[in-house]
């Protein structure tokens, strides 16, 4: 298993046709980057503005980066109607001693189902040669219910991008 998040541990693999869903256990994670929320309960945050702000900060060092070549995006509260949606462009760090330019965000220890974003997965899921990592969130959620899991809204969906791979992560817990 290729790690995209420092400290993740493989619990199980589920193979379904072209798909290999991996259930991983992740510790509490500290993220450093740029965070923003929607102004209300119906809209999304200014994603383009957040990304532009994040890219402008690339020259400012993040202390204690855990996975040098990996960065990502967290979709916060997208499955909740009582809180505004948030978005964070980030990297995993091991210290909160960061430049004031950066925002910090913690995700709790939880299990995630993850799926690699590959041309084979894009063809199997959407009948196209490529897809956005975020598009795999729905594929994972549909699969989770088949194996007795549900979305864990204590945590957030995560997209991770590395030099030669990308993964979608959906927080999960055993169905009640």
N, C-alpha and C. Protein backbone atom coordinates (compact mmCIF):
# COMPACT_ATOMS: atom_id res chain seq x y z
N UNK A 1 0.85 -1.18 0.00
CA UNK A 1 0.00 0.00 0.00
C UNK A 1 0.89 1.24 0.00
N UNK A 2 0.60 2.16 -0.89
CA UNK A 2 1.32 3.44 -0.93
C UNK A 2 0.63 4.38 0.05
N UNK A 3 1.40 4.96 0.95
CA UNK A 3 0.84 5.88 1.94
C UNK A 3 0.79 7.30 1.38
N UNK A 4 -0.34 7.94 1.56
CA UNK A 4 -0.50 9.35 1.20
C UNK A 4 -0.64 10.20 2.46
N UNK A 5 -0.99 9.54 3.57
CA UNK A 5 -1.15 10.21 4.85
C UNK A 5 -0.22 9.52 5.85
N UNK A 6 0.64 10.30 6.49
CA UNK A 6 1.57 9.73 7.46
C UNK A 6 0.80 9.11 8.61
N UNK A 7 1.14 7.87 8.94
CA UNK A 7 0.51 7.19 10.06
C UNK A 7 -0.68 6.32 9.68
N UNK A 8 -1.13 6.36 8.42
CA UNK A 8 -2.26 5.52 8.05
C UNK A 8 -1.83 4.06 8.02
N UNK A 9 -2.77 3.18 8.40
CA UNK A 9 -2.49 1.75 8.42
C UNK A 9 -3.61 1.02 7.70
N UNK A 10 -3.24 0.12 6.82
CA UNK A 10 -4.21 -0.67 6.07
C UNK A 10 -4.88 -1.67 7.00
N UNK A 11 -6.22 -1.66 6.99
CA UNK A 11 -7.00 -2.62 7.78
C UNK A 11 -7.50 -3.75 6.89
N UNK A 12 -8.03 -3.38 5.72
CA UNK A 12 -8.59 -4.39 4.81
C UNK A 12 -8.64 -3.86 3.39
N UNK A 13 -8.62 -4.78 2.44
CA UNK A 13 -8.83 -4.45 1.03
C UNK A 13 -10.07 -5.17 0.55
N UNK A 14 -10.85 -4.49 -0.25
CA UNK A 14 -12.05 -5.06 -0.85
C UNK A 14 -11.93 -4.89 -2.36
N UNK A 15 -11.94 -5.99 -3.08
CA UNK A 15 -11.85 -5.92 -4.54
C UNK A 15 -13.24 -6.14 -5.14
N UNK A 16 -13.62 -5.21 -6.01
CA UNK A 16 -14.90 -5.28 -6.72
C UNK A 16 -14.64 -4.88 -8.17
N UNK A 17 -14.49 -5.86 -9.05
CA UNK A 17 -14.21 -5.56 -10.45
C UNK A 17 -12.93 -4.75 -10.58
N UNK A 18 -13.01 -3.59 -11.21
CA UNK A 18 -11.83 -2.72 -11.41
C UNK A 18 -11.41 -2.00 -10.14
N UNK A 19 -12.26 -2.05 -9.12
CA UNK A 19 -12.02 -1.26 -7.91
C UNK A 19 -11.27 -2.05 -6.84
N UNK A 20 -10.33 -1.40 -6.18
CA UNK A 20 -9.75 -1.91 -4.94
C UNK A 20 -9.96 -0.84 -3.89
N UNK A 21 -10.94 -1.07 -3.03
CA UNK A 21 -11.23 -0.15 -1.93
C UNK A 21 -10.36 -0.55 -0.75
N UNK A 22 -9.69 0.41 -0.16
CA UNK A 22 -8.84 0.14 0.99
C UNK A 22 -9.44 0.81 2.22
N UNK A 23 -9.62 0.02 3.28
CA UNK A 23 -10.04 0.57 4.56
C UNK A 23 -8.77 0.84 5.36
N UNK A 24 -8.56 2.11 5.72
CA UNK A 24 -7.35 2.49 6.45
C UNK A 24 -7.72 3.16 7.76
N UNK A 25 -6.87 2.98 8.73
CA UNK A 25 -7.01 3.63 10.03
C UNK A 25 -6.04 4.80 10.05
N UNK A 26 -6.53 5.99 10.37
CA UNK A 26 -5.68 7.18 10.42
C UNK A 26 -5.71 7.79 11.82
N UNK A 27 -4.56 8.25 12.29
CA UNK A 27 -4.51 8.93 13.59
C UNK A 27 -5.10 10.33 13.45
N UNK A 28 -5.21 11.04 14.57
CA UNK A 28 -5.55 12.46 14.48
C UNK A 28 -4.49 13.12 13.60
N UNK A 29 -4.94 14.00 12.72
CA UNK A 29 -4.02 14.61 11.75
C UNK A 29 -4.09 16.12 11.86
N UNK A 30 -2.93 16.75 11.83
CA UNK A 30 -2.82 18.20 11.79
C UNK A 30 -2.49 18.61 10.36
N UNK A 31 -3.32 19.50 9.82
CA UNK A 31 -3.15 19.99 8.45
C UNK A 31 -2.78 21.46 8.49
N UNK A 32 -1.94 21.87 7.55
CA UNK A 32 -1.49 23.26 7.45
C UNK A 32 -1.72 23.72 6.01
N UNK A 33 -2.40 24.86 5.87
CA UNK A 33 -2.67 25.37 4.53
C UNK A 33 -3.57 26.58 4.58
N UNK A 34 -4.57 26.58 3.72
CA UNK A 34 -5.51 27.69 3.60
C UNK A 34 -6.92 27.14 3.73
N UNK A 35 -7.69 27.70 4.66
CA UNK A 35 -9.02 27.22 5.00
C UNK A 35 -10.04 28.34 4.84
N UNK A 36 -11.20 28.00 4.28
CA UNK A 36 -12.28 28.98 4.17
C UNK A 36 -13.63 28.30 4.20
N UNK A 37 -14.63 29.04 4.64
CA UNK A 37 -16.00 28.52 4.75
C UNK A 37 -16.96 29.34 3.90
N UNK A 38 -18.06 28.73 3.52
CA UNK A 38 -19.12 29.42 2.80
C UNK A 38 -19.74 30.47 3.72
N UNK A 39 -20.31 31.54 3.16
CA UNK A 39 -20.92 32.58 3.98
C UNK A 39 -22.28 32.20 4.54
N UNK A 40 -22.83 31.06 4.10
CA UNK A 40 -24.16 30.63 4.54
C UNK A 40 -24.24 29.11 4.46
N UNK A 41 -25.44 28.57 4.68
CA UNK A 41 -25.61 27.11 4.71
C UNK A 41 -25.92 26.50 3.35
N UNK A 42 -26.00 27.31 2.30
CA UNK A 42 -26.37 26.76 0.99
C UNK A 42 -25.26 26.83 -0.06
N UNK A 43 -24.31 27.73 0.12
CA UNK A 43 -23.27 27.91 -0.89
C UNK A 43 -21.98 27.18 -0.50
N UNK A 44 -21.06 27.16 -1.46
CA UNK A 44 -19.72 26.64 -1.21
C UNK A 44 -18.80 27.81 -0.89
N UNK A 45 -17.65 27.53 -0.28
CA UNK A 45 -16.67 28.60 -0.09
C UNK A 45 -16.11 29.03 -1.45
N UNK A 46 -15.36 30.10 -1.47
CA UNK A 46 -14.71 30.59 -2.69
C UNK A 46 -13.50 29.69 -2.98
N UNK A 47 -13.75 28.58 -3.65
CA UNK A 47 -12.71 27.58 -3.88
C UNK A 47 -11.57 28.14 -4.73
N UNK A 48 -11.90 28.85 -5.79
CA UNK A 48 -10.85 29.43 -6.64
C UNK A 48 -10.00 30.42 -5.86
N UNK A 49 -10.64 31.24 -5.02
CA UNK A 49 -9.91 32.20 -4.20
C UNK A 49 -9.01 31.51 -3.18
N UNK A 50 -9.51 30.43 -2.58
CA UNK A 50 -8.69 29.68 -1.62
C UNK A 50 -7.48 29.06 -2.29
N UNK A 51 -7.70 28.47 -3.46
CA UNK A 51 -6.59 27.85 -4.18
C UNK A 51 -5.55 28.89 -4.57
N UNK A 52 -6.00 30.04 -5.05
CA UNK A 52 -5.06 31.11 -5.43
C UNK A 52 -4.26 31.57 -4.21
N UNK A 53 -4.94 31.71 -3.07
CA UNK A 53 -4.24 32.11 -1.83
C UNK A 53 -3.21 31.06 -1.43
N UNK A 54 -3.58 29.79 -1.53
CA UNK A 54 -2.67 28.69 -1.19
C UNK A 54 -1.44 28.71 -2.10
N UNK A 55 -1.67 28.89 -3.39
CA UNK A 55 -0.55 28.90 -4.34
C UNK A 55 0.39 30.07 -4.09
N UNK A 56 -0.14 31.21 -3.65
CA UNK A 56 0.71 32.37 -3.35
C UNK A 56 1.62 32.11 -2.14
N UNK A 57 1.21 31.19 -1.28
CA UNK A 57 1.98 30.91 -0.06
C UNK A 57 3.01 29.79 -0.24
N UNK A 58 3.12 29.25 -1.43
CA UNK A 58 4.00 28.10 -1.64
C UNK A 58 5.44 28.33 -1.22
N UNK A 59 5.91 29.56 -1.28
CA UNK A 59 7.31 29.83 -0.90
C UNK A 59 7.51 29.94 0.61
N UNK A 60 6.42 29.99 1.37
CA UNK A 60 6.54 30.06 2.83
C UNK A 60 6.59 28.63 3.37
N UNK A 61 7.68 28.30 4.03
CA UNK A 61 7.91 26.94 4.52
C UNK A 61 6.83 26.51 5.51
N UNK A 62 6.42 25.24 5.38
CA UNK A 62 5.57 24.61 6.39
C UNK A 62 6.51 23.77 7.25
N UNK A 63 6.52 24.02 8.53
CA UNK A 63 7.39 23.29 9.45
C UNK A 63 6.85 21.88 9.69
N UNK A 64 7.74 20.91 9.72
CA UNK A 64 7.36 19.55 10.09
C UNK A 64 6.45 18.86 9.10
N UNK A 65 6.64 19.10 7.81
CA UNK A 65 5.80 18.39 6.82
C UNK A 65 6.04 16.90 6.94
N UNK A 66 4.97 16.13 6.97
CA UNK A 66 5.07 14.69 7.18
C UNK A 66 5.30 13.91 5.88
N UNK A 67 4.68 14.32 4.82
CA UNK A 67 4.79 13.65 3.53
C UNK A 67 5.16 14.71 2.51
N UNK A 68 6.45 14.92 2.32
CA UNK A 68 6.97 16.03 1.52
C UNK A 68 6.30 16.19 0.16
N UNK A 69 6.07 15.09 -0.54
CA UNK A 69 5.57 15.15 -1.91
C UNK A 69 4.05 15.10 -2.03
N UNK A 70 3.34 15.11 -0.92
CA UNK A 70 1.89 14.98 -0.96
C UNK A 70 1.23 16.27 -0.48
N UNK A 71 0.17 16.65 -1.17
CA UNK A 71 -0.68 17.76 -0.72
C UNK A 71 -2.11 17.38 -1.03
N UNK A 72 -3.05 18.18 -0.57
CA UNK A 72 -4.42 17.77 -0.78
C UNK A 72 -5.44 18.85 -0.52
N UNK A 73 -6.65 18.37 -0.39
CA UNK A 73 -7.81 19.23 -0.23
C UNK A 73 -8.80 18.51 0.69
N UNK A 74 -9.34 19.23 1.65
CA UNK A 74 -10.33 18.67 2.57
C UNK A 74 -11.67 19.34 2.30
N UNK A 75 -12.71 18.54 2.13
CA UNK A 75 -14.08 19.04 1.98
C UNK A 75 -14.76 18.93 3.34
N UNK A 76 -15.03 20.05 3.96
CA UNK A 76 -15.53 20.09 5.33
C UNK A 76 -17.03 20.36 5.36
N UNK A 77 -17.76 19.56 6.09
CA UNK A 77 -19.20 19.74 6.33
C UNK A 77 -20.07 19.60 5.08
N UNK A 78 -19.58 19.02 4.01
CA UNK A 78 -20.38 18.90 2.80
C UNK A 78 -21.56 17.94 2.97
N UNK A 79 -21.49 17.07 3.95
CA UNK A 79 -22.59 16.12 4.20
C UNK A 79 -23.51 16.60 5.32
N UNK A 80 -23.35 17.84 5.75
CA UNK A 80 -24.16 18.38 6.84
C UNK A 80 -24.94 19.59 6.34
N UNK A 81 -26.16 19.72 6.83
CA UNK A 81 -26.98 20.88 6.44
C UNK A 81 -27.02 21.94 7.53
N UNK A 82 -26.46 21.63 8.70
CA UNK A 82 -26.52 22.56 9.83
C UNK A 82 -25.26 23.41 9.98
N UNK A 83 -24.25 23.17 9.15
CA UNK A 83 -23.00 23.92 9.22
C UNK A 83 -22.58 24.35 7.81
N UNK A 84 -21.91 25.50 7.69
CA UNK A 84 -21.47 25.91 6.36
C UNK A 84 -20.37 24.98 5.83
N UNK A 85 -20.35 24.80 4.52
CA UNK A 85 -19.31 24.00 3.88
C UNK A 85 -17.98 24.73 3.96
N UNK A 86 -16.93 23.96 4.13
CA UNK A 86 -15.58 24.52 4.16
C UNK A 86 -14.68 23.77 3.20
N UNK A 87 -13.57 24.39 2.89
CA UNK A 87 -12.57 23.78 2.00
C UNK A 87 -11.20 24.18 2.51
N UNK A 88 -10.28 23.22 2.47
CA UNK A 88 -8.90 23.52 2.86
C UNK A 88 -7.95 22.89 1.86
N UNK A 89 -7.03 23.68 1.36
CA UNK A 89 -5.90 23.18 0.58
C UNK A 89 -4.74 23.07 1.55
N UNK A 90 -4.06 21.91 1.58
CA UNK A 90 -3.18 21.66 2.73
C UNK A 90 -2.11 20.62 2.48
N UNK A 91 -1.25 20.51 3.49
CA UNK A 91 -0.30 19.42 3.65
C UNK A 91 -0.32 19.01 5.12
N UNK A 92 0.01 17.74 5.36
CA UNK A 92 0.06 17.21 6.72
C UNK A 92 1.36 17.67 7.40
N UNK A 93 1.23 18.15 8.64
CA UNK A 93 2.39 18.59 9.42
C UNK A 93 2.34 17.95 10.81
N UNK A 94 3.48 18.01 11.51
CA UNK A 94 3.52 17.44 12.86
C UNK A 94 3.68 18.49 13.95
N UNK A 95 3.56 19.77 13.59
CA UNK A 95 3.66 20.83 14.59
C UNK A 95 2.75 21.99 14.22
N UNK A 96 2.22 22.65 15.25
CA UNK A 96 1.39 23.83 14.99
C UNK A 96 2.23 25.11 14.96
N UNK A 97 3.55 24.99 15.04
CA UNK A 97 4.45 26.14 14.94
C UNK A 97 4.62 26.49 13.46
N UNK A 98 3.69 27.28 12.94
CA UNK A 98 3.65 27.63 11.52
C UNK A 98 3.56 29.14 11.35
N UNK A 99 3.85 29.60 10.17
CA UNK A 99 3.70 31.01 9.83
C UNK A 99 2.25 31.43 10.06
N UNK A 100 2.05 32.67 10.51
CA UNK A 100 0.70 33.20 10.70
C UNK A 100 -0.09 33.27 9.40
N UNK A 101 0.59 33.16 8.28
CA UNK A 101 -0.09 33.19 6.97
C UNK A 101 -0.95 31.94 6.78
N UNK A 102 -0.61 30.86 7.48
CA UNK A 102 -1.30 29.59 7.30
C UNK A 102 -2.41 29.38 8.31
N UNK A 103 -3.40 28.59 7.89
CA UNK A 103 -4.45 28.11 8.78
C UNK A 103 -4.09 26.68 9.19
N UNK A 104 -4.55 26.28 10.37
CA UNK A 104 -4.37 24.92 10.85
C UNK A 104 -5.74 24.28 11.06
N UNK A 105 -5.82 22.98 10.85
CA UNK A 105 -7.07 22.25 11.00
C UNK A 105 -6.71 20.83 11.41
N UNK A 106 -7.47 20.27 12.36
CA UNK A 106 -7.25 18.89 12.79
C UNK A 106 -8.43 18.02 12.37
N UNK A 107 -8.10 16.83 11.90
CA UNK A 107 -9.13 15.83 11.69
C UNK A 107 -8.93 14.75 12.76
N UNK A 108 -10.03 14.21 13.30
CA UNK A 108 -9.91 13.23 14.37
C UNK A 108 -9.41 11.88 13.86
N UNK A 109 -8.90 11.09 14.76
CA UNK A 109 -8.54 9.71 14.42
C UNK A 109 -9.81 9.01 13.95
N UNK A 110 -9.73 8.36 12.82
CA UNK A 110 -10.90 7.65 12.28
C UNK A 110 -10.45 6.68 11.20
N UNK A 111 -11.40 5.90 10.74
CA UNK A 111 -11.15 5.02 9.60
C UNK A 111 -11.68 5.68 8.34
N UNK A 112 -10.99 5.44 7.25
CA UNK A 112 -11.40 5.96 5.94
C UNK A 112 -11.41 4.82 4.94
N UNK A 113 -12.36 4.87 4.02
CA UNK A 113 -12.22 4.08 2.81
C UNK A 113 -11.53 4.97 1.80
N UNK A 114 -10.55 4.41 1.11
CA UNK A 114 -9.87 5.20 0.09
C UNK A 114 -9.87 4.44 -1.22
N UNK A 115 -9.79 5.21 -2.30
CA UNK A 115 -9.80 4.65 -3.65
C UNK A 115 -8.82 5.46 -4.49
N UNK A 116 -7.96 4.77 -5.22
CA UNK A 116 -7.01 5.44 -6.10
C UNK A 116 -7.75 6.02 -7.30
N UNK A 117 -7.33 7.18 -7.74
CA UNK A 117 -7.90 7.82 -8.92
C UNK A 117 -7.01 7.46 -10.11
N UNK A 118 -7.48 6.53 -10.92
CA UNK A 118 -6.71 6.04 -12.07
C UNK A 118 -7.60 6.06 -13.32
N UNK A 119 -7.01 5.97 -14.51
CA UNK A 119 -7.83 5.88 -15.72
C UNK A 119 -8.77 4.67 -15.69
N UNK A 120 -8.31 3.55 -15.12
CA UNK A 120 -9.16 2.35 -15.05
C UNK A 120 -10.39 2.60 -14.17
N UNK A 121 -10.19 3.28 -13.07
CA UNK A 121 -11.31 3.60 -12.18
C UNK A 121 -12.25 4.59 -12.86
N UNK A 122 -11.71 5.59 -13.54
CA UNK A 122 -12.55 6.57 -14.24
C UNK A 122 -13.41 5.88 -15.30
N UNK A 123 -12.83 4.93 -16.03
CA UNK A 123 -13.61 4.22 -17.04
C UNK A 123 -14.69 3.35 -16.39
N UNK A 124 -14.34 2.65 -15.31
CA UNK A 124 -15.31 1.78 -14.65
C UNK A 124 -16.44 2.58 -14.00
N UNK A 125 -16.11 3.71 -13.41
CA UNK A 125 -17.11 4.48 -12.67
C UNK A 125 -17.91 5.43 -13.56
N UNK A 126 -17.25 6.05 -14.54
CA UNK A 126 -17.88 7.15 -15.27
C UNK A 126 -17.79 7.02 -16.79
N UNK A 127 -17.23 5.93 -17.28
CA UNK A 127 -17.06 5.70 -18.72
C UNK A 127 -16.31 6.85 -19.40
N UNK A 128 -15.25 7.31 -18.74
CA UNK A 128 -14.37 8.32 -19.32
C UNK A 128 -12.94 8.02 -18.90
N UNK A 129 -11.97 8.65 -19.56
CA UNK A 129 -10.56 8.31 -19.33
C UNK A 129 -9.96 8.93 -18.08
N UNK A 130 -10.58 9.97 -17.56
CA UNK A 130 -10.08 10.58 -16.32
C UNK A 130 -11.24 11.19 -15.56
N UNK A 131 -11.01 11.42 -14.28
CA UNK A 131 -12.05 12.04 -13.44
C UNK A 131 -11.35 12.82 -12.33
N UNK A 132 -12.11 13.68 -11.70
CA UNK A 132 -11.60 14.39 -10.54
C UNK A 132 -11.60 13.46 -9.35
N UNK A 133 -10.62 13.62 -8.49
CA UNK A 133 -10.56 12.77 -7.29
C UNK A 133 -11.85 12.90 -6.49
N UNK A 134 -12.38 14.11 -6.36
CA UNK A 134 -13.61 14.34 -5.60
C UNK A 134 -14.78 13.54 -6.17
N UNK A 135 -14.77 13.23 -7.45
CA UNK A 135 -15.87 12.47 -8.04
C UNK A 135 -15.95 11.06 -7.46
N UNK A 136 -14.87 10.58 -6.90
CA UNK A 136 -14.85 9.22 -6.34
C UNK A 136 -15.51 9.14 -4.96
N UNK A 137 -15.79 10.27 -4.34
CA UNK A 137 -16.46 10.24 -3.03
C UNK A 137 -17.77 9.46 -3.11
N UNK A 138 -18.58 9.71 -4.13
CA UNK A 138 -19.86 9.02 -4.29
C UNK A 138 -19.68 7.53 -4.53
N UNK A 139 -18.69 7.15 -5.32
CA UNK A 139 -18.40 5.74 -5.59
C UNK A 139 -18.06 5.03 -4.27
N UNK A 140 -17.24 5.68 -3.47
CA UNK A 140 -16.85 5.09 -2.18
C UNK A 140 -18.05 4.98 -1.25
N UNK A 141 -18.86 6.02 -1.16
CA UNK A 141 -20.03 5.99 -0.27
C UNK A 141 -20.99 4.88 -0.67
N UNK A 142 -21.22 4.70 -1.97
CA UNK A 142 -22.10 3.61 -2.41
C UNK A 142 -21.53 2.26 -1.99
N UNK A 143 -20.23 2.08 -2.13
CA UNK A 143 -19.60 0.82 -1.76
C UNK A 143 -19.66 0.59 -0.25
N UNK A 144 -19.40 1.61 0.53
CA UNK A 144 -19.37 1.47 2.00
C UNK A 144 -20.65 0.83 2.53
N UNK A 145 -21.78 1.25 2.00
CA UNK A 145 -23.05 0.71 2.50
C UNK A 145 -23.18 -0.78 2.20
N UNK A 146 -22.56 -1.24 1.11
CA UNK A 146 -22.60 -2.66 0.76
C UNK A 146 -21.87 -3.53 1.78
N UNK A 147 -20.88 -2.98 2.45
CA UNK A 147 -20.06 -3.77 3.38
C UNK A 147 -20.29 -3.37 4.84
N UNK A 148 -21.41 -2.70 5.10
CA UNK A 148 -21.79 -2.42 6.49
C UNK A 148 -21.18 -1.19 7.12
N UNK A 149 -20.80 -0.22 6.30
CA UNK A 149 -20.24 1.04 6.81
C UNK A 149 -21.10 2.21 6.39
N UNK A 150 -20.94 3.32 7.11
CA UNK A 150 -21.63 4.56 6.78
C UNK A 150 -20.66 5.72 6.92
N UNK A 151 -21.07 6.87 6.39
CA UNK A 151 -20.25 8.07 6.46
C UNK A 151 -20.12 8.51 7.92
N UNK A 152 -18.91 8.84 8.33
CA UNK A 152 -18.64 9.33 9.69
C UNK A 152 -18.49 10.84 9.62
N UNK A 153 -19.53 11.57 10.02
CA UNK A 153 -19.51 13.03 9.86
C UNK A 153 -18.68 13.77 10.92
N UNK A 154 -17.97 13.03 11.77
CA UNK A 154 -17.02 13.68 12.68
C UNK A 154 -15.76 14.10 11.93
N UNK A 155 -15.53 13.49 10.78
CA UNK A 155 -14.34 13.78 9.98
C UNK A 155 -14.78 14.31 8.62
N UNK A 156 -13.84 14.48 7.71
CA UNK A 156 -14.12 15.11 6.42
C UNK A 156 -13.55 14.29 5.27
N UNK A 157 -14.13 14.49 4.10
CA UNK A 157 -13.60 13.86 2.89
C UNK A 157 -12.28 14.53 2.52
N UNK A 158 -11.35 13.72 2.05
CA UNK A 158 -10.01 14.23 1.75
C UNK A 158 -9.59 13.77 0.36
N UNK A 159 -8.97 14.67 -0.39
CA UNK A 159 -8.31 14.34 -1.65
C UNK A 159 -6.81 14.48 -1.40
N UNK A 160 -6.04 13.47 -1.77
CA UNK A 160 -4.59 13.53 -1.62
C UNK A 160 -3.93 13.34 -2.98
N UNK A 161 -2.93 14.20 -3.25
CA UNK A 161 -2.24 14.20 -4.53
C UNK A 161 -0.74 14.04 -4.30
N UNK A 162 -0.16 13.04 -4.94
CA UNK A 162 1.28 12.81 -4.84
C UNK A 162 1.92 12.86 -6.21
N UNK A 163 3.21 12.53 -6.27
CA UNK A 163 3.93 12.64 -7.54
C UNK A 163 3.44 11.67 -8.62
N UNK A 164 2.92 10.53 -8.22
CA UNK A 164 2.47 9.56 -9.22
C UNK A 164 1.17 8.85 -8.82
N UNK A 165 0.41 9.45 -7.93
CA UNK A 165 -0.85 8.85 -7.49
C UNK A 165 -1.75 9.90 -6.87
N UNK A 166 -3.03 9.59 -6.83
CA UNK A 166 -4.01 10.45 -6.15
C UNK A 166 -5.07 9.53 -5.54
N UNK A 167 -5.58 9.93 -4.37
CA UNK A 167 -6.55 9.11 -3.65
C UNK A 167 -7.69 9.96 -3.12
N UNK A 168 -8.88 9.36 -3.11
CA UNK A 168 -10.04 9.93 -2.44
C UNK A 168 -10.23 9.17 -1.14
N UNK A 169 -10.46 9.90 -0.05
CA UNK A 169 -10.68 9.32 1.28
C UNK A 169 -12.06 9.74 1.78
N UNK A 170 -12.84 8.77 2.24
CA UNK A 170 -14.15 9.06 2.83
C UNK A 170 -14.17 8.48 4.25
N UNK A 171 -14.44 9.33 5.27
CA UNK A 171 -14.46 8.83 6.65
C UNK A 171 -15.62 7.85 6.85
N UNK A 172 -15.35 6.79 7.59
CA UNK A 172 -16.35 5.74 7.72
C UNK A 172 -16.41 5.21 9.14
N UNK A 173 -17.54 4.60 9.42
CA UNK A 173 -17.73 3.87 10.68
C UNK A 173 -18.71 2.74 10.39
N UNK A 174 -18.70 1.74 11.24
CA UNK A 174 -19.66 0.64 11.09
C UNK A 174 -21.07 1.20 11.19
N UNK A 175 -21.96 0.70 10.33
CA UNK A 175 -23.35 1.14 10.36
C UNK A 175 -23.99 0.72 11.66
N UNK A 176 -24.90 1.57 12.13
CA UNK A 176 -25.59 1.28 13.41
C UNK A 176 -26.73 0.32 13.20
